[in-house]
């Protein structure tokens, strides 16, 4: 079964919820699924609609030391 939909990338800059746009907030209120990573300000999660599935996406590079 094939499903179609839309994907929106909404960013506000790391930890700067005040930099989010009204359009970005509106899109997040419409979406049924909202993905976020460690850079997202937790305040912006409130932009999602109440019944949205909120998914944390682990997106960190491994801590690698300098080569010896």
PDB file of N, CA and C in Angstrom:
ATOM      1  N   UNK A   1       0.837  -1.165   0.000  1.00  0.00           N
ATOM      2  CA  UNK A   1       0.000   0.000   0.000  1.00  0.00           C
ATOM      3  C   UNK A   1       0.887   1.236   0.000  1.00  0.00           C
ATOM      4  N   UNK A   2       0.610   2.141  -0.879  1.00  0.00           N
ATOM      5  CA  UNK A   2       1.377   3.365  -1.003  1.00  0.00           C
ATOM      6  C   UNK A   2       0.646   4.515  -0.313  1.00  0.00           C
ATOM      7  N   UNK A   3       1.378   5.283   0.490  1.00  0.00           N
ATOM      8  CA  UNK A   3       0.805   6.465   1.126  1.00  0.00           C
ATOM      9  C   UNK A   3       1.575   7.682   0.646  1.00  0.00           C
ATOM     10  N   UNK A   4       0.887   8.762   0.486  1.00  0.00           N
ATOM     11  CA  UNK A   4       1.572   9.986   0.097  1.00  0.00           C
ATOM     12  C   UNK A   4       1.296  11.055   1.145  1.00  0.00           C
ATOM     13  N   UNK A   5       2.163  12.022   1.174  1.00  0.00           N
ATOM     14  CA  UNK A   5       2.021  13.111   2.129  1.00  0.00           C
ATOM     15  C   UNK A   5       3.021  14.198   1.811  1.00  0.00           C
ATOM     16  N   UNK A   6       3.197  15.089   2.743  1.00  0.00           N
ATOM     17  CA  UNK A   6       4.137  16.190   2.572  1.00  0.00           C
ATOM     18  C   UNK A   6       5.106  16.200   3.744  1.00  0.00           C
ATOM     19  N   UNK A   7       6.286  16.693   3.473  1.00  0.00           N
ATOM     20  CA  UNK A   7       7.302  16.864   4.504  1.00  0.00           C
ATOM     21  C   UNK A   7       7.688  18.336   4.524  1.00  0.00           C
ATOM     22  N   UNK A   8       7.697  18.921   5.699  1.00  0.00           N
ATOM     23  CA  UNK A   8       8.122  20.308   5.869  1.00  0.00           C
ATOM     24  C   UNK A   8       9.321  20.322   6.798  1.00  0.00           C
ATOM     25  N   UNK A   9      10.319  21.123   6.473  1.00  0.00           N
ATOM     26  CA  UNK A   9      11.457  21.341   7.358  1.00  0.00           C
ATOM     27  C   UNK A   9      11.272  22.713   7.988  1.00  0.00           C
ATOM     28  N   UNK A  10      11.115  22.711   9.303  1.00  0.00           N
ATOM     29  CA  UNK A  10      10.876  23.952  10.030  1.00  0.00           C
ATOM     30  C   UNK A  10      12.000  24.123  11.034  1.00  0.00           C
ATOM     31  N   UNK A  11      12.679  25.230  10.962  1.00  0.00           N
ATOM     32  CA  UNK A  11      13.771  25.480  11.895  1.00  0.00           C
ATOM     33  C   UNK A  11      13.668  26.866  12.487  1.00  0.00           C
ATOM     34  N   UNK A  12      14.210  27.016  13.692  1.00  0.00           N
ATOM     35  CA  UNK A  12      14.201  28.321  14.341  1.00  0.00           C
ATOM     36  C   UNK A  12      15.591  28.672  14.839  1.00  0.00           C
ATOM     37  N   UNK A  13      16.571  27.898  14.463  1.00  0.00           N
ATOM     38  CA  UNK A  13      17.904  28.108  15.012  1.00  0.00           C
ATOM     39  C   UNK A  13      17.974  27.424  16.368  1.00  0.00           C
ATOM     40  N   UNK A  14      19.127  26.901  16.724  1.00  0.00           N
ATOM     41  CA  UNK A  14      19.236  26.150  17.976  1.00  0.00           C
ATOM     42  C   UNK A  14      18.858  27.006  19.184  1.00  0.00           C
ATOM     43  N   UNK A  15      17.879  26.548  19.902  1.00  0.00           N
ATOM     44  CA  UNK A  15      17.416  27.139  21.157  1.00  0.00           C
ATOM     45  C   UNK A  15      16.857  28.541  20.995  1.00  0.00           C
ATOM     46  N   UNK A  16      16.449  28.928  19.818  1.00  0.00           N
ATOM     47  CA  UNK A  16      15.915  30.268  19.600  1.00  0.00           C
ATOM     48  C   UNK A  16      14.473  30.174  19.095  1.00  0.00           C
ATOM     49  N   UNK A  17      13.562  29.861  19.981  1.00  0.00           N
ATOM     50  CA  UNK A  17      12.174  29.698  19.560  1.00  0.00           C
ATOM     51  C   UNK A  17      11.600  30.988  18.999  1.00  0.00           C
ATOM     52  N   UNK A  18      12.108  32.132  19.444  1.00  0.00           N
ATOM     53  CA  UNK A  18      11.578  33.409  18.954  1.00  0.00           C
ATOM     54  C   UNK A  18      11.924  33.650  17.494  1.00  0.00           C
ATOM     55  N   UNK A  19      12.854  32.865  16.934  1.00  0.00           N
ATOM     56  CA  UNK A  19      13.205  33.010  15.523  1.00  0.00           C
ATOM     57  C   UNK A  19      12.291  32.188  14.608  1.00  0.00           C
ATOM     58  N   UNK A  20      11.403  31.420  15.182  1.00  0.00           N
ATOM     59  CA  UNK A  20      10.463  30.646  14.372  1.00  0.00           C
ATOM     60  C   UNK A  20       9.477  31.567  13.670  1.00  0.00           C
ATOM     61  N   UNK A  21       9.022  31.155  12.506  1.00  0.00           N
ATOM     62  CA  UNK A  21       8.079  31.974  11.745  1.00  0.00           C
ATOM     63  C   UNK A  21       6.639  31.557  12.058  1.00  0.00           C
ATOM     64  N   UNK A  22       5.709  32.430  11.777  1.00  0.00           N
ATOM     65  CA  UNK A  22       4.299  32.082  11.943  1.00  0.00           C
ATOM     66  C   UNK A  22       3.922  30.938  11.013  1.00  0.00           C
ATOM     67  N   UNK A  23       4.499  30.921   9.817  1.00  0.00           N
ATOM     68  CA  UNK A  23       4.229  29.831   8.868  1.00  0.00           C
ATOM     69  C   UNK A  23       4.738  28.506   9.437  1.00  0.00           C
ATOM     70  N   UNK A  24       5.935  28.528  10.024  1.00  0.00           N
ATOM     71  CA  UNK A  24       6.486  27.314  10.630  1.00  0.00           C
ATOM     72  C   UNK A  24       5.623  26.809  11.773  1.00  0.00           C
ATOM     73  N   UNK A  25       5.145  27.709  12.592  1.00  0.00           N
ATOM     74  CA  UNK A  25       4.267  27.315  13.694  1.00  0.00           C
ATOM     75  C   UNK A  25       2.964  26.734  13.153  1.00  0.00           C
ATOM     76  N   UNK A  26       2.430  27.363  12.102  1.00  0.00           N
ATOM     77  CA  UNK A  26       1.190  26.876  11.503  1.00  0.00           C
ATOM     78  C   UNK A  26       1.333  25.488  10.909  1.00  0.00           C
ATOM     79  N   UNK A  27       2.439  25.252  10.228  1.00  0.00           N
ATOM     80  CA  UNK A  27       2.690  23.929   9.635  1.00  0.00           C
ATOM     81  C   UNK A  27       2.751  22.871  10.727  1.00  0.00           C
ATOM     82  N   UNK A  28       3.436  23.184  11.829  1.00  0.00           N
ATOM     83  CA  UNK A  28       3.548  22.202  12.914  1.00  0.00           C
ATOM     84  C   UNK A  28       2.200  21.940  13.576  1.00  0.00           C
ATOM     85  N   UNK A  29       1.303  22.908  13.560  1.00  0.00           N
ATOM     86  CA  UNK A  29      -0.039  22.695  14.125  1.00  0.00           C
ATOM     87  C   UNK A  29      -0.888  21.793  13.231  1.00  0.00           C
ATOM     88  N   UNK A  30      -0.547  21.724  11.953  1.00  0.00           N
ATOM     89  CA  UNK A  30      -1.308  20.914  11.002  1.00  0.00           C
ATOM     90  C   UNK A  30      -0.816  19.470  10.922  1.00  0.00           C
ATOM     91  N   UNK A  31       0.447  19.236  11.251  1.00  0.00           N
ATOM     92  CA  UNK A  31       1.068  17.923  11.036  1.00  0.00           C
ATOM     93  C   UNK A  31       0.636  16.901  12.074  1.00  0.00           C
ATOM     94  N   UNK A  32       0.523  15.661  11.632  1.00  0.00           N
ATOM     95  CA  UNK A  32       0.182  14.559  12.520  1.00  0.00           C
ATOM     96  C   UNK A  32       1.401  13.920  13.148  1.00  0.00           C
ATOM     97  N   UNK A  33       2.576  14.233  12.636  1.00  0.00           N
ATOM     98  CA  UNK A  33       3.817  13.655  13.159  1.00  0.00           C
ATOM     99  C   UNK A  33       4.871  14.753  13.154  1.00  0.00           C
ATOM    100  N   UNK A  34       5.599  14.876  14.257  1.00  0.00           N
ATOM    101  CA  UNK A  34       6.590  15.937  14.406  1.00  0.00           C
ATOM    102  C   UNK A  34       7.899  15.323  14.891  1.00  0.00           C
ATOM    103  N   UNK A  35       8.943  15.458  14.086  1.00  0.00           N
ATOM    104  CA  UNK A  35      10.268  14.947  14.447  1.00  0.00           C
ATOM    105  C   UNK A  35      11.129  16.104  14.925  1.00  0.00           C
ATOM    106  N   UNK A  36      11.940  15.867  15.952  1.00  0.00           N
ATOM    107  CA  UNK A  36      12.846  16.908  16.438  1.00  0.00           C
ATOM    108  C   UNK A  36      14.140  16.273  16.896  1.00  0.00           C
ATOM    109  N   UNK A  37      15.193  17.089  17.023  1.00  0.00           N
ATOM    110  CA  UNK A  37      16.481  16.574  17.484  1.00  0.00           C
ATOM    111  C   UNK A  37      16.954  17.360  18.700  1.00  0.00           C
ATOM    112  N   UNK A  38      18.185  17.098  19.134  1.00  0.00           N
ATOM    113  CA  UNK A  38      18.711  17.699  20.365  1.00  0.00           C
ATOM    114  C   UNK A  38      18.920  19.206  20.255  1.00  0.00           C
ATOM    115  N   UNK A  39      18.893  19.757  19.059  1.00  0.00           N
ATOM    116  CA  UNK A  39      19.054  21.200  18.887  1.00  0.00           C
ATOM    117  C   UNK A  39      17.749  21.972  19.086  1.00  0.00           C
ATOM    118  N   UNK A  40      16.632  21.276  19.090  1.00  0.00           N
ATOM    119  CA  UNK A  40      15.338  21.944  19.187  1.00  0.00           C
ATOM    120  C   UNK A  40      15.097  22.475  20.599  1.00  0.00           C
ATOM    121  N   UNK A  41      14.554  23.664  20.670  1.00  0.00           N
ATOM    122  CA  UNK A  41      14.146  24.232  21.941  1.00  0.00           C
ATOM    123  C   UNK A  41      12.868  23.512  22.378  1.00  0.00           C
ATOM    124  N   UNK A  42      12.822  22.981  23.597  1.00  0.00           N
ATOM    125  CA  UNK A  42      11.623  22.262  24.043  1.00  0.00           C
ATOM    126  C   UNK A  42      10.346  23.102  23.943  1.00  0.00           C
ATOM    127  N   UNK A  43      10.484  24.414  24.014  1.00  0.00           N
ATOM    128  CA  UNK A  43       9.322  25.296  23.895  1.00  0.00           C
ATOM    129  C   UNK A  43       8.625  25.125  22.545  1.00  0.00           C
ATOM    130  N   UNK A  44       9.394  24.831  21.503  1.00  0.00           N
ATOM    131  CA  UNK A  44       8.801  24.710  20.170  1.00  0.00           C
ATOM    132  C   UNK A  44       7.967  23.439  20.026  1.00  0.00           C
ATOM    133  N   UNK A  45       8.144  22.472  20.909  1.00  0.00           N
ATOM    134  CA  UNK A  45       7.316  21.263  20.848  1.00  0.00           C
ATOM    135  C   UNK A  45       5.859  21.602  21.124  1.00  0.00           C
ATOM    136  N   UNK A  46       5.624  22.704  21.813  1.00  0.00           N
ATOM    137  CA  UNK A  46       4.263  23.158  22.061  1.00  0.00           C
ATOM    138  C   UNK A  46       3.572  23.664  20.814  1.00  0.00           C
ATOM    139  N   UNK A  47       4.309  23.845  19.742  1.00  0.00           N
ATOM    140  CA  UNK A  47       3.719  24.281  18.475  1.00  0.00           C
ATOM    141  C   UNK A  47       2.967  23.146  17.793  1.00  0.00           C
ATOM    142  N   UNK A  48       3.255  21.911  18.159  1.00  0.00           N
ATOM    143  CA  UNK A  48       2.603  20.761  17.532  1.00  0.00           C
ATOM    144  C   UNK A  48       1.160  20.656  18.030  1.00  0.00           C
ATOM    145  N   UNK A  49       0.315  20.067  17.208  1.00  0.00           N
ATOM    146  CA  UNK A  49      -1.070  19.887  17.649  1.00  0.00           C
ATOM    147  C   UNK A  49      -1.130  18.839  18.754  1.00  0.00           C
ATOM    148  N   UNK A  50      -2.199  18.869  19.527  1.00  0.00           N
ATOM    149  CA  UNK A  50      -2.306  18.026  20.726  1.00  0.00           C
ATOM    150  C   UNK A  50      -2.233  16.537  20.432  1.00  0.00           C
ATOM    151  N   UNK A  51      -2.758  16.093  19.303  1.00  0.00           N
ATOM    152  CA  UNK A  51      -2.777  14.664  19.001  1.00  0.00           C
ATOM    153  C   UNK A  51      -1.616  14.225  18.095  1.00  0.00           C
ATOM    154  N   UNK A  52      -0.646  15.115  17.868  1.00  0.00           N
ATOM    155  CA  UNK A  52       0.494  14.779  16.991  1.00  0.00           C
ATOM    156  C   UNK A  52       1.411  13.772  17.668  1.00  0.00           C
ATOM    157  N   UNK A  53       1.992  12.907  16.856  1.00  0.00           N
ATOM    158  CA  UNK A  53       3.009  11.970  17.329  1.00  0.00           C
ATOM    159  C   UNK A  53       4.335  12.729  17.343  1.00  0.00           C
ATOM    160  N   UNK A  54       4.947  12.862  18.522  1.00  0.00           N
ATOM    161  CA  UNK A  54       6.202  13.590  18.682  1.00  0.00           C
ATOM    162  C   UNK A  54       7.336  12.570  18.738  1.00  0.00           C
ATOM    163  N   UNK A  55       8.303  12.687  17.835  1.00  0.00           N
ATOM    164  CA  UNK A  55       9.366  11.691  17.705  1.00  0.00           C
ATOM    165  C   UNK A  55      10.725  12.360  17.851  1.00  0.00           C
ATOM    166  N   UNK A  56      11.516  11.889  18.822  1.00  0.00           N
ATOM    167  CA  UNK A  56      12.875  12.386  19.004  1.00  0.00           C
ATOM    168  C   UNK A  56      13.800  11.651  18.052  1.00  0.00           C
ATOM    169  N   UNK A  57      14.572  12.387  17.290  1.00  0.00           N
ATOM    170  CA  UNK A  57      15.503  11.815  16.321  1.00  0.00           C
ATOM    171  C   UNK A  57      16.917  12.009  16.856  1.00  0.00           C
ATOM    172  N   UNK A  58      17.578  10.914  17.189  1.00  0.00           N
ATOM    173  CA  UNK A  58      18.946  11.000  17.695  1.00  0.00           C
ATOM    174  C   UNK A  58      19.850  11.325  16.523  1.00  0.00           C
ATOM    175  N   UNK A  59      20.555  12.434  16.621  1.00  0.00           N
ATOM    176  CA  UNK A  59      21.374  12.901  15.502  1.00  0.00           C
ATOM    177  C   UNK A  59      22.649  13.524  16.055  1.00  0.00           C
ATOM    178  N   UNK A  60      23.508  12.722  16.613  1.00  0.00           N
ATOM    179  CA  UNK A  60      24.765  13.237  17.157  1.00  0.00           C
ATOM    180  C   UNK A  60      25.924  12.435  16.576  1.00  0.00           C
ATOM    181  N   UNK A  61      27.000  13.121  16.327  1.00  0.00           N
ATOM    182  CA  UNK A  61      28.203  12.433  15.857  1.00  0.00           C
ATOM    183  C   UNK A  61      28.880  11.757  17.045  1.00  0.00           C
ATOM    184  N   UNK A  62      29.566  10.704  16.777  1.00  0.00           N
ATOM    185  CA  UNK A  62      30.306  10.014  17.826  1.00  0.00           C
ATOM    186  C   UNK A  62      31.405  10.953  18.343  1.00  0.00           C
ATOM    187  N   UNK A  63      31.684  10.865  19.603  1.00  0.00           N
ATOM    188  CA  UNK A  63      32.749  11.672  20.203  1.00  0.00           C
ATOM    189  C   UNK A  63      34.077  11.016  19.855  1.00  0.00           C
ATOM    190  N   UNK A  64      34.764  11.573  18.912  1.00  0.00           N
ATOM    191  CA  UNK A  64      36.020  10.976  18.430  1.00  0.00           C
ATOM    192  C   UNK A  64      37.179  11.855  18.863  1.00  0.00           C
ATOM    193  N   UNK A  65      38.168  11.230  19.418  1.00  0.00           N
ATOM    194  CA  UNK A  65      39.368  11.966  19.818  1.00  0.00           C
ATOM    195  C   UNK A  65      40.281  12.201  18.625  1.00  0.00           C
ATOM    196  N   UNK A  66      41.275  13.011  18.849  1.00  0.00           N
ATOM    197  CA  UNK A  66      42.249  13.285  17.793  1.00  0.00           C
ATOM    198  C   UNK A  66      43.073  12.026  17.507  1.00  0.00           C
ATOM    199  N   UNK A  67      43.412  11.793  16.261  1.00  0.00           N
ATOM    200  CA  UNK A  67      44.236  10.598  15.944  1.00  0.00           C
ATOM    201  C   UNK A  67      45.616  10.723  16.598  1.00  0.00           C
ATOM    202  N   UNK A  68      46.127   9.599  17.031  1.00  0.00           N
ATOM    203  CA  UNK A  68      47.455   9.599  17.675  1.00  0.00           C
ATOM    204  C   UNK A  68      48.548   9.353  16.688  1.00  0.00           C
TER     205      UNK A  68
END
